[in-house]
C-alpha cells in the first residue's frame, strides 16, 4: 500500500490567500517591498530570484533584484546592505546564496537589520525561535512544520526525528516542534545509528542534502515522512533530475509522504512571502 502524497501546492496557495488582506491593509502605511541581493552570476540563484519576482507580482508586493559583480569586496557588500537597512521603502531583504569566494555569507546575513531579515537567518531571529516565535523564523523550517500540521498529525506527544541539524532547517525545525510539545530527536553525521531512531518515529523530517539517504526499512509503518531535500542528480538517461533525501521505496511503508519536487519547496516559497508581509507589518506596527 503506497503512502498518501502530501503536496505542497495547495498548502502554499492557502498561505498566499491569507496574505492578500494583510497586504491590502499595509498599502497606505508600509507597503511590502522585498529586495534580493545577488553577488555574481549563479544560475540557481537567478532562477530563485525569478520565482520570488513571480510570487511578489502575484500578490502585489514590490520586488527588486540588486545584482552585484562577483568580485565585489565584503566592505562594499556591507555598504549595500546598510543602504537597504536605512531605506524606509524597503521592508524585506534577502541575500541569495551561495556568495562568491572571499565573502562571508554568515557575516553579511548578520548585517541585515533583524526586522528586515525575511530569510529568518539573522542571529536575533534564530534566537527568537528558541522562544517559539515563528514570526521571522527560517522559511524552510516553517515550511516543514506547516507540512506536519497540514498532515493532521497530533504534534503534542508525537515522536519526531529530525535528520539533519543545519542552522536554517534542522535546528529551527526541531525547536519549533518542541514548542507544541512534540518529543524531538535530532540525528546528524555524529549519530551512531540514525535508523534505530527513525524506526520509532511517528514523524520523520529529512534535510541532509544526501540523495535517497533514508530507506524504507528506516521508517515505521504509517509514519509521516517530510522530505526537505532538493538534489540534482543525473538519471540513467543522462538527464538531470531533482530528487529528495528519501528513497522512493519509503512510499511503500510510510502513511504520508511529501514529494520532491512539489512538496516542501512550494511551501518554503510561500513562507518567504509570509515573512515579507510580517516584516512590513512589524515595521508599520500593525
C-alpha atoms as a PDB file:
ATOM      1  CA  UNK A   1       0.000   0.000   0.000  1.00  0.00           C
ATOM      2  CA  UNK A   2       1.502   3.307  -1.094  1.00  0.00           C
ATOM      3  CA  UNK A   3       1.686   6.354   1.138  1.00  0.00           C
ATOM      4  CA  UNK A   4      -0.684   9.264   0.763  1.00  0.00           C
ATOM      5  CA  UNK A   5       1.148  12.053  -1.087  1.00  0.00           C
ATOM      6  CA  UNK A   6       1.002  15.392   0.725  1.00  0.00           C
ATOM      7  CA  UNK A   7       1.564  18.009  -1.974  1.00  0.00           C
ATOM      8  CA  UNK A   8       2.851  21.457  -1.115  1.00  0.00           C
ATOM      9  CA  UNK A   9       0.948  23.406  -3.763  1.00  0.00           C
ATOM     10  CA  UNK A  10      -2.459  23.590  -2.025  1.00  0.00           C
ATOM     11  CA  UNK A  11      -0.800  24.438   1.308  1.00  0.00           C
ATOM     12  CA  UNK A  12       1.226  27.200  -0.330  1.00  0.00           C
ATOM     13  CA  UNK A  13      -1.856  28.632  -2.066  1.00  0.00           C
ATOM     14  CA  UNK A  14      -3.740  28.750   1.233  1.00  0.00           C
ATOM     15  CA  UNK A  15      -0.853  30.672   2.837  1.00  0.00           C
ATOM     16  CA  UNK A  16      -0.744  33.156  -0.046  1.00  0.00           C
ATOM     17  CA  UNK A  17      -4.521  33.661   0.068  1.00  0.00           C
ATOM     18  CA  UNK A  18      -4.291  34.540   3.761  1.00  0.00           C
ATOM     19  CA  UNK A  19      -1.697  37.209   2.965  1.00  0.00           C
ATOM     20  CA  UNK A  20      -3.805  39.163   0.488  1.00  0.00           C
ATOM     21  CA  UNK A  21      -5.960  41.102   3.005  1.00  0.00           C
ATOM     22  CA  UNK A  22      -2.851  41.832   5.095  1.00  0.00           C
ATOM     23  CA  UNK A  23      -1.091  43.291   2.049  1.00  0.00           C
ATOM     24  CA  UNK A  24      -4.143  45.404   1.253  1.00  0.00           C
ATOM     25  CA  UNK A  25      -4.137  46.730   4.822  1.00  0.00           C
ATOM     26  CA  UNK A  26      -0.467  47.720   4.561  1.00  0.00           C
ATOM     27  CA  UNK A  27      -0.781  49.635   1.279  1.00  0.00           C
ATOM     28  CA  UNK A  28      -1.316  53.016   2.948  1.00  0.00           C
ATOM     29  CA  UNK A  29       1.170  52.564   5.785  1.00  0.00           C
ATOM     30  CA  UNK A  30       4.065  50.251   4.932  1.00  0.00           C
ATOM     31  CA  UNK A  31       3.641  48.533   1.550  1.00  0.00           C
ATOM     32  CA  UNK A  32       5.822  45.429   1.473  1.00  0.00           C
ATOM     33  CA  UNK A  33       8.899  45.572  -0.738  1.00  0.00           C
ATOM     34  CA  UNK A  34      11.433  42.767  -0.978  1.00  0.00           C
ATOM     35  CA  UNK A  35      14.984  43.334  -2.208  1.00  0.00           C
ATOM     36  CA  UNK A  36      17.131  40.327  -3.102  1.00  0.00           C
ATOM     37  CA  UNK A  37      20.899  40.777  -3.224  1.00  0.00           C
ATOM     38  CA  UNK A  38      22.765  38.664  -5.773  1.00  0.00           C
ATOM     39  CA  UNK A  39      26.552  38.787  -5.987  1.00  0.00           C
ATOM     40  CA  UNK A  40      27.896  37.002  -9.039  1.00  0.00           C
ATOM     41  CA  UNK A  41      26.158  35.014 -11.742  1.00  0.00           C
ATOM     42  CA  UNK A  42      24.906  31.854 -10.033  1.00  0.00           C
ATOM     43  CA  UNK A  43      22.233  30.231 -12.271  1.00  0.00           C
ATOM     44  CA  UNK A  44      20.420  28.629  -9.327  1.00  0.00           C
ATOM     45  CA  UNK A  45      20.182  31.953  -7.506  1.00  0.00           C
ATOM     46  CA  UNK A  46      18.914  33.684 -10.646  1.00  0.00           C
ATOM     47  CA  UNK A  47      16.225  31.035 -11.042  1.00  0.00           C
ATOM     48  CA  UNK A  48      15.244  31.507  -7.392  1.00  0.00           C
ATOM     49  CA  UNK A  49      15.089  35.283  -7.921  1.00  0.00           C
ATOM     50  CA  UNK A  50      12.737  34.855 -10.877  1.00  0.00           C
ATOM     51  CA  UNK A  51      10.491  32.676  -8.718  1.00  0.00           C
ATOM     52  CA  UNK A  52      10.489  35.340  -5.994  1.00  0.00           C
ATOM     53  CA  UNK A  53       9.611  38.012  -8.551  1.00  0.00           C
ATOM     54  CA  UNK A  54       6.696  35.909  -9.799  1.00  0.00           C
ATOM     55  CA  UNK A  55       5.307  35.378  -6.291  1.00  0.00           C
ATOM     56  CA  UNK A  56       5.665  39.056  -5.417  1.00  0.00           C
ATOM     57  CA  UNK A  57       3.952  40.161  -8.621  1.00  0.00           C
ATOM     58  CA  UNK A  58       1.100  37.741  -7.930  1.00  0.00           C
ATOM     59  CA  UNK A  59       0.498  39.286  -4.517  1.00  0.00           C
ATOM     60  CA  UNK A  60       1.220  42.919  -5.330  1.00  0.00           C
ATOM     61  CA  UNK A  61       4.462  43.023  -3.321  1.00  0.00           C
ATOM     62  CA  UNK A  62       7.259  45.251  -4.588  1.00  0.00           C
ATOM     63  CA  UNK A  63      10.377  43.399  -5.705  1.00  0.00           C
ATOM     64  CA  UNK A  64      13.883  44.380  -6.716  1.00  0.00           C
ATOM     65  CA  UNK A  65      16.868  42.210  -7.605  1.00  0.00           C
ATOM     66  CA  UNK A  66      20.088  44.034  -6.716  1.00  0.00           C
ATOM     67  CA  UNK A  67      22.739  42.404  -8.914  1.00  0.00           C
ATOM     68  CA  UNK A  68      26.374  42.925  -7.943  1.00  0.00           C
ATOM     69  CA  UNK A  69      29.652  41.792  -9.561  1.00  0.00           C
ATOM     70  CA  UNK A  70      31.244  38.553  -8.393  1.00  0.00           C
ATOM     71  CA  UNK A  71      34.452  40.386  -7.471  1.00  0.00           C
ATOM     72  CA  UNK A  72      32.733  42.790  -5.077  1.00  0.00           C
ATOM     73  CA  UNK A  73      34.538  43.221  -1.752  1.00  0.00           C
ATOM     74  CA  UNK A  74      32.925  42.482   1.591  1.00  0.00           C
ATOM     75  CA  UNK A  75      33.020  46.128   2.686  1.00  0.00           C
ATOM     76  CA  UNK A  76      31.153  47.145  -0.457  1.00  0.00           C
ATOM     77  CA  UNK A  77      28.606  44.391   0.152  1.00  0.00           C
ATOM     78  CA  UNK A  78      28.132  45.616   3.706  1.00  0.00           C
ATOM     79  CA  UNK A  79      27.630  49.109   2.310  1.00  0.00           C
ATOM     80  CA  UNK A  80      24.822  47.879   0.055  1.00  0.00           C
ATOM     81  CA  UNK A  81      23.161  46.117   2.971  1.00  0.00           C
ATOM     82  CA  UNK A  82      23.437  49.205   5.172  1.00  0.00           C
ATOM     83  CA  UNK A  83      21.874  51.311   2.429  1.00  0.00           C
ATOM     84  CA  UNK A  84      18.931  48.925   2.217  1.00  0.00           C
ATOM     85  CA  UNK A  85      18.632  48.790   6.010  1.00  0.00           C
ATOM     86  CA  UNK A  86      18.205  52.560   6.069  1.00  0.00           C
ATOM     87  CA  UNK A  87      15.812  52.745   3.101  1.00  0.00           C
ATOM     88  CA  UNK A  88      12.306  53.000   4.557  1.00  0.00           C
ATOM     89  CA  UNK A  89      10.767  51.887   1.253  1.00  0.00           C
ATOM     90  CA  UNK A  90      12.494  48.521   1.640  1.00  0.00           C
ATOM     91  CA  UNK A  91      10.749  46.269   4.169  1.00  0.00           C
ATOM     92  CA  UNK A  92      12.477  42.965   3.439  1.00  0.00           C
ATOM     93  CA  UNK A  93      15.999  41.924   2.442  1.00  0.00           C
ATOM     94  CA  UNK A  94      17.301  38.518   1.407  1.00  0.00           C
ATOM     95  CA  UNK A  95      20.872  37.589   0.498  1.00  0.00           C
ATOM     96  CA  UNK A  96      20.933  34.959  -2.227  1.00  0.00           C
ATOM     97  CA  UNK A  97      23.440  32.220  -1.528  1.00  0.00           C
ATOM     98  CA  UNK A  98      25.954  30.882  -2.272  1.00  0.00           C
ATOM     99  CA  UNK A  99      28.040  34.047  -2.375  1.00  0.00           C
ATOM    100  CA  UNK A 100      31.341  34.323  -4.295  1.00  0.00           C
ATOM    101  CA  UNK A 101      34.573  33.180  -2.686  1.00  0.00           C
ATOM    102  CA  UNK A 102      36.050  35.754  -0.357  1.00  0.00           C
ATOM    103  CA  UNK A 103      32.687  36.793   1.048  1.00  0.00           C
ATOM    104  CA  UNK A 104      31.386  35.616   4.425  1.00  0.00           C
ATOM    105  CA  UNK A 105      27.695  34.817   3.942  1.00  0.00           C
ATOM    106  CA  UNK A 106      27.041  34.492   7.662  1.00  0.00           C
ATOM    107  CA  UNK A 107      28.572  37.899   8.405  1.00  0.00           C
ATOM    108  CA  UNK A 108      26.606  39.502   5.578  1.00  0.00           C
ATOM    109  CA  UNK A 109      23.343  37.946   6.759  1.00  0.00           C
ATOM    110  CA  UNK A 110      24.046  39.169  10.282  1.00  0.00           C
ATOM    111  CA  UNK A 111      24.423  42.708   8.908  1.00  0.00           C
ATOM    112  CA  UNK A 112      20.828  42.740   7.648  1.00  0.00           C
ATOM    113  CA  UNK A 113      18.512  44.538  10.074  1.00  0.00           C
ATOM    114  CA  UNK A 114      16.634  41.832  12.039  1.00  0.00           C
ATOM    115  CA  UNK A 115      13.297  43.484  11.278  1.00  0.00           C
ATOM    116  CA  UNK A 116      14.038  43.204   7.527  1.00  0.00           C
ATOM    117  CA  UNK A 117      15.538  39.699   7.613  1.00  0.00           C
ATOM    118  CA  UNK A 118      12.806  37.849   5.748  1.00  0.00           C
ATOM    119  CA  UNK A 119      15.023  34.785   5.298  1.00  0.00           C
ATOM    120  CA  UNK A 120      14.958  34.336   9.073  1.00  0.00           C
ATOM    121  CA  UNK A 121      18.701  33.753   9.400  1.00  0.00           C
ATOM    122  CA  UNK A 122      19.808  36.723  11.489  1.00  0.00           C
ATOM    123  CA  UNK A 123      21.046  35.580  14.930  1.00  0.00           C
ATOM    124  CA  UNK A 124      18.296  37.621  16.582  1.00  0.00           C
ATOM    125  CA  UNK A 125      15.540  35.877  14.623  1.00  0.00           C
ATOM    126  CA  UNK A 126      17.097  32.461  15.116  1.00  0.00           C
ATOM    127  CA  UNK A 127      17.228  33.253  18.831  1.00  0.00           C
ATOM    128  CA  UNK A 128      13.512  34.064  18.888  1.00  0.00           C
ATOM    129  CA  UNK A 129      12.802  30.564  17.576  1.00  0.00           C
ATOM    130  CA  UNK A 130      14.059  29.256  20.925  1.00  0.00           C
ATOM    131  CA  UNK A 131      11.122  31.114  22.485  1.00  0.00           C
ATOM    132  CA  UNK A 132       8.694  29.598  19.977  1.00  0.00           C
ATOM    133  CA  UNK A 133       8.376  32.813  17.963  1.00  0.00           C
ATOM    134  CA  UNK A 134       7.758  31.914  14.306  1.00  0.00           C
ATOM    135  CA  UNK A 135       7.254  35.483  13.064  1.00  0.00           C
ATOM    136  CA  UNK A 136      10.519  35.632  11.104  1.00  0.00           C
ATOM    137  CA  UNK A 137      11.739  32.065  11.509  1.00  0.00           C
ATOM    138  CA  UNK A 138      13.707  30.443   8.659  1.00  0.00           C
ATOM    139  CA  UNK A 139      11.396  29.813   5.718  1.00  0.00           C
ATOM    140  CA  UNK A 140      12.229  26.146   5.165  1.00  0.00           C
ATOM    141  CA  UNK A 141      11.831  25.310   8.843  1.00  0.00           C
ATOM    142  CA  UNK A 142       8.418  26.985   8.862  1.00  0.00           C
ATOM    143  CA  UNK A 143       7.501  25.039   5.727  1.00  0.00           C
ATOM    144  CA  UNK A 144       8.471  21.702   7.268  1.00  0.00           C
ATOM    145  CA  UNK A 145       6.344  22.439  10.327  1.00  0.00           C
ATOM    146  CA  UNK A 146       3.451  23.555   8.117  1.00  0.00           C
ATOM    147  CA  UNK A 147       3.588  20.207   6.312  1.00  0.00           C
ATOM    148  CA  UNK A 148       3.385  18.360   9.631  1.00  0.00           C
ATOM    149  CA  UNK A 149       0.414  20.472  10.665  1.00  0.00           C
ATOM    150  CA  UNK A 150      -1.318  20.009   7.293  1.00  0.00           C
ATOM    151  CA  UNK A 151      -0.963  16.242   7.613  1.00  0.00           C
ATOM    152  CA  UNK A 152      -3.307  16.350  10.595  1.00  0.00           C
ATOM    153  CA  UNK A 153      -0.750  14.861  12.959  1.00  0.00           C
ATOM    154  CA  UNK A 154      -1.313  15.435  16.674  1.00  0.00           C
ATOM    155  CA  UNK A 155       2.007  17.108  17.415  1.00  0.00           C
ATOM    156  CA  UNK A 156       1.755  17.039  21.199  1.00  0.00           C
ATOM    157  CA  UNK A 157       3.366  13.840  22.396  1.00  0.00           C
ATOM    158  CA  UNK A 158       4.388  12.729  18.901  1.00  0.00           C
ATOM    159  CA  UNK A 159       7.793  11.112  18.466  1.00  0.00           C
ATOM    160  CA  UNK A 160       9.586  13.251  15.881  1.00  0.00           C
ATOM    161  CA  UNK A 161      13.007  12.580  14.396  1.00  0.00           C
ATOM    162  CA  UNK A 162      14.767  15.416  12.603  1.00  0.00           C
ATOM    163  CA  UNK A 163      17.505  14.037  10.359  1.00  0.00           C
ATOM    164  CA  UNK A 164      19.933  16.899   9.780  1.00  0.00           C
ATOM    165  CA  UNK A 165      20.984  19.736  12.086  1.00  0.00           C
ATOM    166  CA  UNK A 166      21.613  22.756   9.866  1.00  0.00           C
ATOM    167  CA  UNK A 167      21.046  26.263  11.187  1.00  0.00           C
ATOM    168  CA  UNK A 168      18.261  27.038   8.737  1.00  0.00           C
ATOM    169  CA  UNK A 169      16.362  23.740   8.716  1.00  0.00           C
ATOM    170  CA  UNK A 170      17.269  21.049  11.228  1.00  0.00           C
ATOM    171  CA  UNK A 171      17.829  23.058  14.385  1.00  0.00           C
ATOM    172  CA  UNK A 172      14.968  25.579  13.979  1.00  0.00           C
ATOM    173  CA  UNK A 173      12.523  22.878  12.839  1.00  0.00           C
ATOM    174  CA  UNK A 174      13.304  20.851  15.952  1.00  0.00           C
ATOM    175  CA  UNK A 175      12.808  23.893  18.167  1.00  0.00           C
ATOM    176  CA  UNK A 176       9.528  24.885  16.500  1.00  0.00           C
ATOM    177  CA  UNK A 177       8.158  21.380  17.061  1.00  0.00           C
ATOM    178  CA  UNK A 178       9.299  21.345  20.670  1.00  0.00           C
ATOM    179  CA  UNK A 179       7.037  24.328  21.344  1.00  0.00           C
ATOM    180  CA  UNK A 180       3.779  22.323  20.872  1.00  0.00           C
ATOM    181  CA  UNK A 181       5.327  19.536  22.982  1.00  0.00           C
ATOM    182  CA  UNK A 182       6.500  17.037  20.415  1.00  0.00           C
ATOM    183  CA  UNK A 183       9.283  14.755  21.626  1.00  0.00           C
ATOM    184  CA  UNK A 184      12.061  15.625  19.194  1.00  0.00           C
ATOM    185  CA  UNK A 185      15.253  13.705  18.483  1.00  0.00           C
ATOM    186  CA  UNK A 186      17.855  15.279  16.187  1.00  0.00           C
ATOM    187  CA  UNK A 187      20.118  12.950  14.206  1.00  0.00           C
ATOM    188  CA  UNK A 188      23.212  14.065  12.306  1.00  0.00           C
ATOM    189  CA  UNK A 189      26.546  12.856  10.982  1.00  0.00           C
ATOM    190  CA  UNK A 190      27.680  12.016  14.507  1.00  0.00           C
ATOM    191  CA  UNK A 191      24.664   9.815  15.270  1.00  0.00           C
ATOM    192  CA  UNK A 192      25.752   6.179  15.594  1.00  0.00           C
ATOM    193  CA  UNK A 193      22.535   4.565  14.327  1.00  0.00           C
ATOM    194  CA  UNK A 194      20.094   7.004  12.768  1.00  0.00           C
ATOM    195  CA  UNK A 195      17.831   4.218  11.525  1.00  0.00           C
ATOM    196  CA  UNK A 196      17.301   2.987  15.086  1.00  0.00           C
ATOM    197  CA  UNK A 197      15.802   6.379  15.913  1.00  0.00           C
ATOM    198  CA  UNK A 198      13.715   6.846  12.759  1.00  0.00           C
ATOM    199  CA  UNK A 199      12.134   3.381  13.090  1.00  0.00           C
ATOM    200  CA  UNK A 200      10.466   4.527  16.321  1.00  0.00           C
ATOM    201  CA  UNK A 201       9.240   7.882  14.985  1.00  0.00           C
ATOM    202  CA  UNK A 202       5.702   8.989  14.183  1.00  0.00           C
ATOM    203  CA  UNK A 203       7.173  11.814  12.101  1.00  0.00           C
ATOM    204  CA  UNK A 204      10.488  11.798  10.242  1.00  0.00           C
ATOM    205  CA  UNK A 205      11.781  15.036   8.696  1.00  0.00           C
ATOM    206  CA  UNK A 206      14.847  14.752   6.480  1.00  0.00           C
ATOM    207  CA  UNK A 207      17.126  17.621   5.442  1.00  0.00           C
ATOM    208  CA  UNK A 208      20.636  16.367   4.731  1.00  0.00           C
ATOM    209  CA  UNK A 209      21.404  17.008   1.072  1.00  0.00           C
ATOM    210  CA  UNK A 210      22.148  13.291   0.579  1.00  0.00           C
ATOM    211  CA  UNK A 211      20.007  11.771  -2.195  1.00  0.00           C
ATOM    212  CA  UNK A 212      17.999   8.736  -1.090  1.00  0.00           C
ATOM    213  CA  UNK A 213      19.613   8.585   2.344  1.00  0.00           C
ATOM    214  CA  UNK A 214      16.521   7.390   4.220  1.00  0.00           C
ATOM    215  CA  UNK A 215      15.463   3.891   3.180  1.00  0.00           C
ATOM    216  CA  UNK A 216      12.186   2.036   3.529  1.00  0.00           C
ATOM    217  CA  UNK A 217      13.460  -0.093   6.414  1.00  0.00           C
ATOM    218  CA  UNK A 218      14.248   3.078   8.370  1.00  0.00           C
ATOM    219  CA  UNK A 219      10.563   4.006   8.624  1.00  0.00           C
ATOM    220  CA  UNK A 220       7.824   2.823  10.976  1.00  0.00           C
ATOM    221  CA  UNK A 221       4.762   1.681   9.001  1.00  0.00           C
ATOM    222  CA  UNK A 222       2.235   4.506   8.735  1.00  0.00           C
ATOM    223  CA  UNK A 223       4.649   7.299   9.720  1.00  0.00           C
ATOM    224  CA  UNK A 224       4.628  10.798   8.226  1.00  0.00           C
ATOM    225  CA  UNK A 225       7.809  11.461   6.251  1.00  0.00           C
ATOM    226  CA  UNK A 226       8.656  15.049   5.275  1.00  0.00           C
ATOM    227  CA  UNK A 227      11.393  15.194   2.630  1.00  0.00           C
ATOM    228  CA  UNK A 228      13.117  18.595   2.607  1.00  0.00           C
ATOM    229  CA  UNK A 229      15.952  17.519   0.312  1.00  0.00           C
ATOM    230  CA  UNK A 230      16.410  19.022  -3.150  1.00  0.00           C
ATOM    231  CA  UNK A 231      19.232  17.284  -5.001  1.00  0.00           C
ATOM    232  CA  UNK A 232      20.119  17.453  -8.672  1.00  0.00           C
ATOM    233  CA  UNK A 233      21.331  14.097  -9.962  1.00  0.00           C
ATOM    234  CA  UNK A 234      21.833  12.514 -13.363  1.00  0.00           C
ATOM    235  CA  UNK A 235      19.424   9.731 -14.269  1.00  0.00           C
ATOM    236  CA  UNK A 236      20.212   6.637 -16.320  1.00  0.00           C
ATOM    237  CA  UNK A 237      19.289   8.588 -19.442  1.00  0.00           C
ATOM    238  CA  UNK A 238      21.944  11.172 -18.611  1.00  0.00           C
ATOM    239  CA  UNK A 239      19.409  13.888 -17.916  1.00  0.00           C
ATOM    240  CA  UNK A 240      19.454  15.863 -14.675  1.00  0.00           C
ATOM    241  CA  UNK A 241      16.501  15.370 -12.363  1.00  0.00           C
ATOM    242  CA  UNK A 242      15.559  16.585  -8.889  1.00  0.00           C
ATOM    243  CA  UNK A 243      15.281  14.023  -6.102  1.00  0.00           C
ATOM    244  CA  UNK A 244      14.882  14.182  -2.353  1.00  0.00           C
ATOM    245  CA  UNK A 245      16.768  12.777   0.612  1.00  0.00           C
ATOM    246  CA  UNK A 246      14.242   9.925   0.902  1.00  0.00           C
ATOM    247  CA  UNK A 247      14.463   6.762  -1.171  1.00  0.00           C
ATOM    248  CA  UNK A 248      11.379   6.130  -3.374  1.00  0.00           C
ATOM    249  CA  UNK A 249      10.833   2.808  -1.605  1.00  0.00           C
ATOM    250  CA  UNK A 250       9.746   4.694   1.517  1.00  0.00           C
ATOM    251  CA  UNK A 251       6.404   5.299  -0.219  1.00  0.00           C
ATOM    252  CA  UNK A 252       5.551   1.624   0.338  1.00  0.00           C
ATOM    253  CA  UNK A 253       5.937   1.927   4.122  1.00  0.00           C
ATOM    254  CA  UNK A 254       5.057   5.486   5.156  1.00  0.00           C
ATOM    255  CA  UNK A 255       1.486   6.582   5.783  1.00  0.00           C
ATOM    256  CA  UNK A 256       2.010  10.072   4.394  1.00  0.00           C
ATOM    257  CA  UNK A 257       4.950  11.302   2.287  1.00  0.00           C
ATOM    258  CA  UNK A 258       5.819  14.694   0.835  1.00  0.00           C
ATOM    259  CA  UNK A 259       7.020  14.588  -2.790  1.00  0.00           C
ATOM    260  CA  UNK A 260      10.169  16.074  -4.318  1.00  0.00           C
ATOM    261  CA  UNK A 261       9.669  18.219  -6.251  1.00  0.00           C
ATOM    262  CA  UNK A 262       6.246  19.641  -5.383  1.00  0.00           C
ATOM    263  CA  UNK A 263       6.375  19.322  -1.627  1.00  0.00           C
ATOM    264  CA  UNK A 264       8.242  21.399   0.942  1.00  0.00           C
ATOM    265  CA  UNK A 265       9.802  23.650  -1.716  1.00  0.00           C
ATOM    266  CA  UNK A 266       6.483  25.180  -2.727  1.00  0.00           C
ATOM    267  CA  UNK A 267       5.607  25.927   0.887  1.00  0.00           C
ATOM    268  CA  UNK A 268       9.065  27.412   1.532  1.00  0.00           C
ATOM    269  CA  UNK A 269       8.464  29.917  -1.270  1.00  0.00           C
ATOM    270  CA  UNK A 270       5.128  30.863   0.289  1.00  0.00           C
ATOM    271  CA  UNK A 271       6.800  31.281   3.680  1.00  0.00           C
ATOM    272  CA  UNK A 272       9.188  33.835   2.188  1.00  0.00           C
ATOM    273  CA  UNK A 273       6.153  35.860   1.140  1.00  0.00           C
ATOM    274  CA  UNK A 274       4.649  35.375   4.597  1.00  0.00           C
ATOM    275  CA  UNK A 275       7.830  36.640   6.239  1.00  0.00           C
ATOM    276  CA  UNK A 276       7.969  39.579   3.835  1.00  0.00           C
ATOM    277  CA  UNK A 277       4.461  40.660   4.817  1.00  0.00           C
ATOM    278  CA  UNK A 278       5.147  40.022   8.513  1.00  0.00           C
ATOM    279  CA  UNK A 279       8.259  42.203   8.373  1.00  0.00           C
ATOM    280  CA  UNK A 280       6.319  45.057   6.788  1.00  0.00           C
ATOM    281  CA  UNK A 281       3.584  44.735   9.424  1.00  0.00           C
ATOM    282  CA  UNK A 282       6.155  44.827  12.221  1.00  0.00           C
ATOM    283  CA  UNK A 283       7.695  47.972  10.790  1.00  0.00           C
ATOM    284  CA  UNK A 284       4.254  49.554  10.427  1.00  0.00           C
ATOM    285  CA  UNK A 285       3.359  48.480  13.972  1.00  0.00           C
ATOM    286  CA  UNK A 286       0.078  46.880  12.806  1.00  0.00           C
END
